[in-house]
Amino acid sequence: MTVQSHIAELSERHRRLEIDLHDHLQRPQTDSLTLTEIKRKKLRLKEEIERLSRDEA
């Protein structure tokens, strides 16, 4: 797997988490623990994408 394809895969996972987060926020009773978990996963993915992008340059 190339670095670019790995970044693309991570970006897609980040996008799906964004959709999941949005869906959870639309629910009347949103579990704050679930929201926190989704946000942490998104942040880890974003950091990994940025690290890979920096290392590639």
Protein backbone atom coordinates (compact mmCIF):
# COMPACT_ATOMS: atom_id res chain seq x y z
CA MET A 1 0.00 0.00 0.00
CA THR A 2 1.40 3.37 -0.97
CA VAL A 3 1.43 6.27 1.43
CA GLN A 4 -1.11 8.12 -0.74
CA SER A 5 -3.53 5.18 -0.74
CA HIS A 6 -3.13 4.84 3.03
CA ILE A 7 -3.87 8.56 3.46
CA ALA A 8 -6.92 8.17 1.21
CA GLU A 9 -8.16 5.24 3.29
CA LEU A 10 -7.68 7.18 6.53
CA SER A 11 -9.46 10.19 5.02
CA GLU A 12 -12.41 8.01 4.08
CA ARG A 13 -12.60 6.60 7.61
CA HIS A 14 -12.47 10.19 8.94
CA ARG A 15 -15.31 11.18 6.60
CA ARG A 16 -17.43 8.23 7.76
CA LEU A 17 -16.86 9.19 11.40
CA GLU A 18 -17.97 12.74 10.59
CA ILE A 19 -21.22 11.35 9.17
CA ASP A 20 -21.64 9.10 12.21
CA LEU A 21 -21.06 12.06 14.53
CA HIS A 22 -23.61 14.15 12.64
CA ASP A 23 -26.15 11.31 12.86
CA HIS A 24 -25.63 10.99 16.60
CA LEU A 25 -26.08 14.73 17.08
CA GLN A 26 -29.46 14.58 15.35
CA ARG A 27 -30.80 12.09 17.88
CA PRO A 28 -32.86 13.42 20.78
CA GLN A 29 -30.86 11.59 23.44
CA THR A 30 -27.23 11.65 22.48
CA ASP A 31 -24.81 9.70 24.63
CA SER A 32 -21.93 12.05 25.46
CA LEU A 33 -19.55 9.12 25.92
CA THR A 34 -20.24 7.95 22.37
CA LEU A 35 -19.75 11.47 21.01
CA THR A 36 -16.44 11.78 22.84
CA GLU A 37 -15.29 8.44 21.48
CA ILE A 38 -16.15 9.39 17.91
CA LYS A 39 -14.40 12.75 18.27
CA ARG A 40 -11.27 11.09 19.65
CA LYS A 41 -11.19 8.62 16.78
CA LYS A 42 -11.56 11.47 14.30
CA LEU A 43 -8.74 13.39 15.96
CA ARG A 44 -6.41 10.36 15.91
CA LEU A 45 -7.14 9.83 12.23
CA LYS A 46 -6.55 13.51 11.46
CA GLU A 47 -3.24 13.46 13.32
CA GLU A 48 -2.15 10.30 11.49
CA ILE A 49 -3.10 11.82 8.12
CA GLU A 50 -1.13 14.97 8.93
CA ARG A 51 1.88 12.96 10.09
CA LEU A 52 1.89 10.81 6.97
CA SER A 53 1.50 13.88 4.77
CA ARG A 54 4.44 15.59 6.47
CA ASP A 55 6.64 12.50 6.28
CA GLU A 56 5.86 12.06 2.60
CA ALA A 57 6.89 15.62 1.70
